[in-house]
């Protein structure tokens, strides 16, 4: 729903995508004391249509942590590598990653009657071997409608 944007942490717009998706597999069901863990392959992250050429180069891992007293969860992730053709004047493309440790991505807003929403608001860092003209970090803001499973909510098990 809405758009996904990538901006510099100073607010300069790098890319806007009006569609896309994240498709992965969970490894466990989780509980009040066990985090839900899952993986997303490179092909499981799509971006379309975007104002700049945007490609996923590597997949990653996600976790969902129950927020006590709600049907929501905090989502963290690591890995992933995405490249964006920002502009020729910046050296062509710049790649961004979550890195090797879990990073807070945002909130899974659960629903007991329909589609849930994955609200992303995270800072990503530059990948290795990038042009010195690429911003060293960027802010990823997006809202994804979770279409399967539906309904989806996070609860204490």
C-alpha atoms as a PDB file:
ATOM      1  CA  UNK A   1       0.000   0.000   0.000  1.00  0.00           C
ATOM      2  CA  UNK A   2       1.267   3.492  -0.620  1.00  0.00           C
ATOM      3  CA  UNK A   3       4.890   3.842  -1.635  1.00  0.00           C
ATOM      4  CA  UNK A   4       8.311   2.670  -0.555  1.00  0.00           C
ATOM      5  CA  UNK A   5      10.908   5.418  -0.462  1.00  0.00           C
ATOM      6  CA  UNK A   6      14.663   5.442  -0.073  1.00  0.00           C
ATOM      7  CA  UNK A   7      16.101   8.773   1.011  1.00  0.00           C
ATOM      8  CA  UNK A   8      19.417   9.921   2.360  1.00  0.00           C
ATOM      9  CA  UNK A   9      19.323  10.364   6.123  1.00  0.00           C
ATOM     10  CA  UNK A  10      19.420  14.074   5.288  1.00  0.00           C
ATOM     11  CA  UNK A  11      16.116  13.774   3.405  1.00  0.00           C
ATOM     12  CA  UNK A  12      17.209  13.736  -0.267  1.00  0.00           C
ATOM     13  CA  UNK A  13      14.990  11.349  -2.251  1.00  0.00           C
ATOM     14  CA  UNK A  14      16.959   8.552  -3.949  1.00  0.00           C
ATOM     15  CA  UNK A  15      14.168   6.247  -5.149  1.00  0.00           C
ATOM     16  CA  UNK A  16      10.415   5.689  -4.923  1.00  0.00           C
ATOM     17  CA  UNK A  17       8.641   2.392  -5.624  1.00  0.00           C
ATOM     18  CA  UNK A  18       4.856   2.188  -5.783  1.00  0.00           C
ATOM     19  CA  UNK A  19       4.768  -1.607  -5.560  1.00  0.00           C
ATOM     20  CA  UNK A  20       6.790  -4.596  -4.564  1.00  0.00           C
ATOM     21  CA  UNK A  21       6.793  -7.471  -2.190  1.00  0.00           C
ATOM     22  CA  UNK A  22       8.536  -9.574   0.400  1.00  0.00           C
ATOM     23  CA  UNK A  23       7.905 -13.326   0.342  1.00  0.00           C
ATOM     24  CA  UNK A  24       9.581 -15.680   2.770  1.00  0.00           C
ATOM     25  CA  UNK A  25       9.177 -18.774   4.887  1.00  0.00           C
ATOM     26  CA  UNK A  26       8.988 -18.991   8.660  1.00  0.00           C
ATOM     27  CA  UNK A  27      11.077 -21.626  10.424  1.00  0.00           C
ATOM     28  CA  UNK A  28       8.933 -21.800  13.584  1.00  0.00           C
ATOM     29  CA  UNK A  29       5.617 -20.632  15.022  1.00  0.00           C
ATOM     30  CA  UNK A  30       7.129 -18.832  18.009  1.00  0.00           C
ATOM     31  CA  UNK A  31       5.659 -18.216  21.456  1.00  0.00           C
ATOM     32  CA  UNK A  32       5.735 -15.647  24.251  1.00  0.00           C
ATOM     33  CA  UNK A  33       9.359 -16.635  24.841  1.00  0.00           C
ATOM     34  CA  UNK A  34      10.390 -17.706  21.321  1.00  0.00           C
ATOM     35  CA  UNK A  35      10.777 -15.261  18.441  1.00  0.00           C
ATOM     36  CA  UNK A  36       9.346 -16.198  15.035  1.00  0.00           C
ATOM     37  CA  UNK A  37      12.247 -16.569  12.595  1.00  0.00           C
ATOM     38  CA  UNK A  38      12.217 -16.785   8.823  1.00  0.00           C
ATOM     39  CA  UNK A  39      14.268 -16.421   5.682  1.00  0.00           C
ATOM     40  CA  UNK A  40      13.685 -14.485   2.505  1.00  0.00           C
ATOM     41  CA  UNK A  41      15.538 -15.511  -0.660  1.00  0.00           C
ATOM     42  CA  UNK A  42      16.942 -12.953  -3.092  1.00  0.00           C
ATOM     43  CA  UNK A  43      14.007 -13.651  -5.406  1.00  0.00           C
ATOM     44  CA  UNK A  44      11.572 -13.059  -2.519  1.00  0.00           C
ATOM     45  CA  UNK A  45      12.134  -9.288  -2.477  1.00  0.00           C
ATOM     46  CA  UNK A  46      10.726  -7.374  -5.436  1.00  0.00           C
ATOM     47  CA  UNK A  47      10.482  -3.680  -6.291  1.00  0.00           C
ATOM     48  CA  UNK A  48       8.158  -2.311  -9.012  1.00  0.00           C
ATOM     49  CA  UNK A  49       7.595   0.166 -10.526  1.00  0.00           C
ATOM     50  CA  UNK A  50      10.384   2.396  -9.230  1.00  0.00           C
ATOM     51  CA  UNK A  51      11.734   5.771 -10.276  1.00  0.00           C
ATOM     52  CA  UNK A  52      15.223   4.196 -10.465  1.00  0.00           C
ATOM     53  CA  UNK A  53      16.341   0.703 -11.434  1.00  0.00           C
ATOM     54  CA  UNK A  54      16.181  -1.263  -8.163  1.00  0.00           C
ATOM     55  CA  UNK A  55      17.357  -4.862  -7.769  1.00  0.00           C
ATOM     56  CA  UNK A  56      17.742  -7.279  -4.868  1.00  0.00           C
ATOM     57  CA  UNK A  57      21.191  -8.900  -4.925  1.00  0.00           C
ATOM     58  CA  UNK A  58      20.967 -10.965  -1.698  1.00  0.00           C
ATOM     59  CA  UNK A  59      18.199 -12.237   0.568  1.00  0.00           C
ATOM     60  CA  UNK A  60      18.225 -12.179   4.345  1.00  0.00           C
ATOM     61  CA  UNK A  61      16.549 -13.131   7.596  1.00  0.00           C
ATOM     62  CA  UNK A  62      13.575 -11.678   9.461  1.00  0.00           C
ATOM     63  CA  UNK A  63      12.295 -12.031  13.016  1.00  0.00           C
ATOM     64  CA  UNK A  64       8.946 -11.059  14.529  1.00  0.00           C
ATOM     65  CA  UNK A  65       8.916 -10.166  18.233  1.00  0.00           C
ATOM     66  CA  UNK A  66       5.500 -10.037  19.942  1.00  0.00           C
ATOM     67  CA  UNK A  67       4.576  -6.667  21.484  1.00  0.00           C
ATOM     68  CA  UNK A  68       2.947  -7.680  24.788  1.00  0.00           C
ATOM     69  CA  UNK A  69      -0.739  -6.849  25.105  1.00  0.00           C
ATOM     70  CA  UNK A  70      -1.234  -6.265  21.363  1.00  0.00           C
ATOM     71  CA  UNK A  71      -1.778  -8.190  18.139  1.00  0.00           C
ATOM     72  CA  UNK A  72       1.385  -6.578  16.717  1.00  0.00           C
ATOM     73  CA  UNK A  73       5.055  -7.442  16.506  1.00  0.00           C
ATOM     74  CA  UNK A  74       8.357  -5.660  16.090  1.00  0.00           C
ATOM     75  CA  UNK A  75      10.137  -6.853  12.937  1.00  0.00           C
ATOM     76  CA  UNK A  76      13.920  -7.095  12.783  1.00  0.00           C
ATOM     77  CA  UNK A  77      16.117  -8.223   9.929  1.00  0.00           C
ATOM     78  CA  UNK A  78      19.659  -8.815   8.766  1.00  0.00           C
ATOM     79  CA  UNK A  79      21.378  -9.443   5.492  1.00  0.00           C
ATOM     80  CA  UNK A  80      19.678  -8.382   2.275  1.00  0.00           C
ATOM     81  CA  UNK A  81      21.537  -6.344  -0.332  1.00  0.00           C
ATOM     82  CA  UNK A  82      19.681  -4.004  -2.670  1.00  0.00           C
ATOM     83  CA  UNK A  83      21.177  -1.882  -5.420  1.00  0.00           C
ATOM     84  CA  UNK A  84      19.639   1.343  -6.720  1.00  0.00           C
ATOM     85  CA  UNK A  85      20.718   3.181  -9.893  1.00  0.00           C
ATOM     86  CA  UNK A  86      20.696   6.545  -8.156  1.00  0.00           C
ATOM     87  CA  UNK A  87      22.388   8.682 -10.802  1.00  0.00           C
ATOM     88  CA  UNK A  88      25.389   8.741 -13.064  1.00  0.00           C
ATOM     89  CA  UNK A  89      26.733  11.751 -11.178  1.00  0.00           C
ATOM     90  CA  UNK A  90      26.879   9.630  -8.007  1.00  0.00           C
ATOM     91  CA  UNK A  91      28.821   6.851  -9.681  1.00  0.00           C
ATOM     92  CA  UNK A  92      25.854   4.930 -11.106  1.00  0.00           C
ATOM     93  CA  UNK A  93      24.451   2.481  -8.581  1.00  0.00           C
ATOM     94  CA  UNK A  94      24.649   2.336  -4.810  1.00  0.00           C
ATOM     95  CA  UNK A  95      23.983  -0.821  -2.782  1.00  0.00           C
ATOM     96  CA  UNK A  96      22.492  -0.917   0.704  1.00  0.00           C
ATOM     97  CA  UNK A  97      22.291  -3.674   3.336  1.00  0.00           C
ATOM     98  CA  UNK A  98      20.960  -4.338   6.815  1.00  0.00           C
ATOM     99  CA  UNK A  99      24.316  -5.867   7.746  1.00  0.00           C
ATOM    100  CA  UNK A 100      25.193  -8.939   9.783  1.00  0.00           C
ATOM    101  CA  UNK A 101      23.292  -8.157  12.997  1.00  0.00           C
ATOM    102  CA  UNK A 102      19.544  -7.784  13.466  1.00  0.00           C
ATOM    103  CA  UNK A 103      18.238  -4.257  12.784  1.00  0.00           C
ATOM    104  CA  UNK A 104      14.829  -2.890  13.837  1.00  0.00           C
ATOM    105  CA  UNK A 105      12.790  -2.548  10.628  1.00  0.00           C
ATOM    106  CA  UNK A 106       9.413  -1.505  11.977  1.00  0.00           C
ATOM    107  CA  UNK A 107       6.114  -3.049  13.042  1.00  0.00           C
ATOM    108  CA  UNK A 108       3.880  -5.840  11.837  1.00  0.00           C
ATOM    109  CA  UNK A 109       0.438  -4.387  12.522  1.00  0.00           C
ATOM    110  CA  UNK A 110      -1.736  -7.445  12.976  1.00  0.00           C
ATOM    111  CA  UNK A 111      -5.367  -7.933  12.043  1.00  0.00           C
ATOM    112  CA  UNK A 112      -7.799 -10.581  13.224  1.00  0.00           C
ATOM    113  CA  UNK A 113     -10.286  -9.845  10.422  1.00  0.00           C
ATOM    114  CA  UNK A 114      -8.273  -9.019   7.283  1.00  0.00           C
ATOM    115  CA  UNK A 115      -4.896  -8.085   5.911  1.00  0.00           C
ATOM    116  CA  UNK A 116      -2.077  -7.121   8.266  1.00  0.00           C
ATOM    117  CA  UNK A 117       0.406  -4.325   7.471  1.00  0.00           C
ATOM    118  CA  UNK A 118       4.185  -4.397   7.645  1.00  0.00           C
ATOM    119  CA  UNK A 119       5.219  -0.801   8.385  1.00  0.00           C
ATOM    120  CA  UNK A 120       8.935  -0.305   7.629  1.00  0.00           C
ATOM    121  CA  UNK A 121      10.902   2.682   8.927  1.00  0.00           C
ATOM    122  CA  UNK A 122      14.595   1.767   9.017  1.00  0.00           C
ATOM    123  CA  UNK A 123      18.070   3.078   8.307  1.00  0.00           C
ATOM    124  CA  UNK A 124      20.114   0.875   5.976  1.00  0.00           C
ATOM    125  CA  UNK A 125      23.862   1.141   5.482  1.00  0.00           C
ATOM    126  CA  UNK A 126      25.981   1.199   2.367  1.00  0.00           C
ATOM    127  CA  UNK A 127      27.281  -2.129   1.065  1.00  0.00           C
ATOM    128  CA  UNK A 128      30.985  -2.832   0.662  1.00  0.00           C
ATOM    129  CA  UNK A 129      32.926  -1.660  -2.373  1.00  0.00           C
ATOM    130  CA  UNK A 130      30.639   1.258  -3.218  1.00  0.00           C
ATOM    131  CA  UNK A 131      31.552   4.578  -4.816  1.00  0.00           C
ATOM    132  CA  UNK A 132      32.647   7.222  -2.319  1.00  0.00           C
ATOM    133  CA  UNK A 133      29.904   9.344  -3.880  1.00  0.00           C
ATOM    134  CA  UNK A 134      27.161   7.034  -2.564  1.00  0.00           C
ATOM    135  CA  UNK A 135      25.456   8.166   0.660  1.00  0.00           C
ATOM    136  CA  UNK A 136      26.819   6.030   3.531  1.00  0.00           C
ATOM    137  CA  UNK A 137      23.325   5.310   4.833  1.00  0.00           C
ATOM    138  CA  UNK A 138      19.761   5.729   3.680  1.00  0.00           C
ATOM    139  CA  UNK A 139      16.273   5.619   5.184  1.00  0.00           C
ATOM    140  CA  UNK A 140      13.770   3.015   3.925  1.00  0.00           C
ATOM    141  CA  UNK A 141      10.129   3.824   4.620  1.00  0.00           C
ATOM    142  CA  UNK A 142       7.297   1.623   3.306  1.00  0.00           C
ATOM    143  CA  UNK A 143       3.972  -0.001   4.103  1.00  0.00           C
ATOM    144  CA  UNK A 144       3.346  -3.520   2.830  1.00  0.00           C
ATOM    145  CA  UNK A 145      -0.059  -5.207   2.981  1.00  0.00           C
ATOM    146  CA  UNK A 146       0.344  -8.806   4.131  1.00  0.00           C
ATOM    147  CA  UNK A 147      -1.882 -10.790   1.766  1.00  0.00           C
ATOM    148  CA  UNK A 148      -1.043 -14.259   3.054  1.00  0.00           C
ATOM    149  CA  UNK A 149      -1.771 -15.576   5.527  1.00  0.00           C
ATOM    150  CA  UNK A 150      -4.863 -13.571   6.288  1.00  0.00           C
ATOM    151  CA  UNK A 151      -5.824 -12.754   8.899  1.00  0.00           C
ATOM    152  CA  UNK A 152      -2.400 -12.426  10.489  1.00  0.00           C
ATOM    153  CA  UNK A 153      -1.719 -11.253  14.024  1.00  0.00           C
ATOM    154  CA  UNK A 154       0.950 -11.797  16.655  1.00  0.00           C
ATOM    155  CA  UNK A 155      -0.133 -13.259  19.989  1.00  0.00           C
ATOM    156  CA  UNK A 156       1.259 -14.957  23.040  1.00  0.00           C
ATOM    157  CA  UNK A 157       1.158 -18.700  22.479  1.00  0.00           C
END
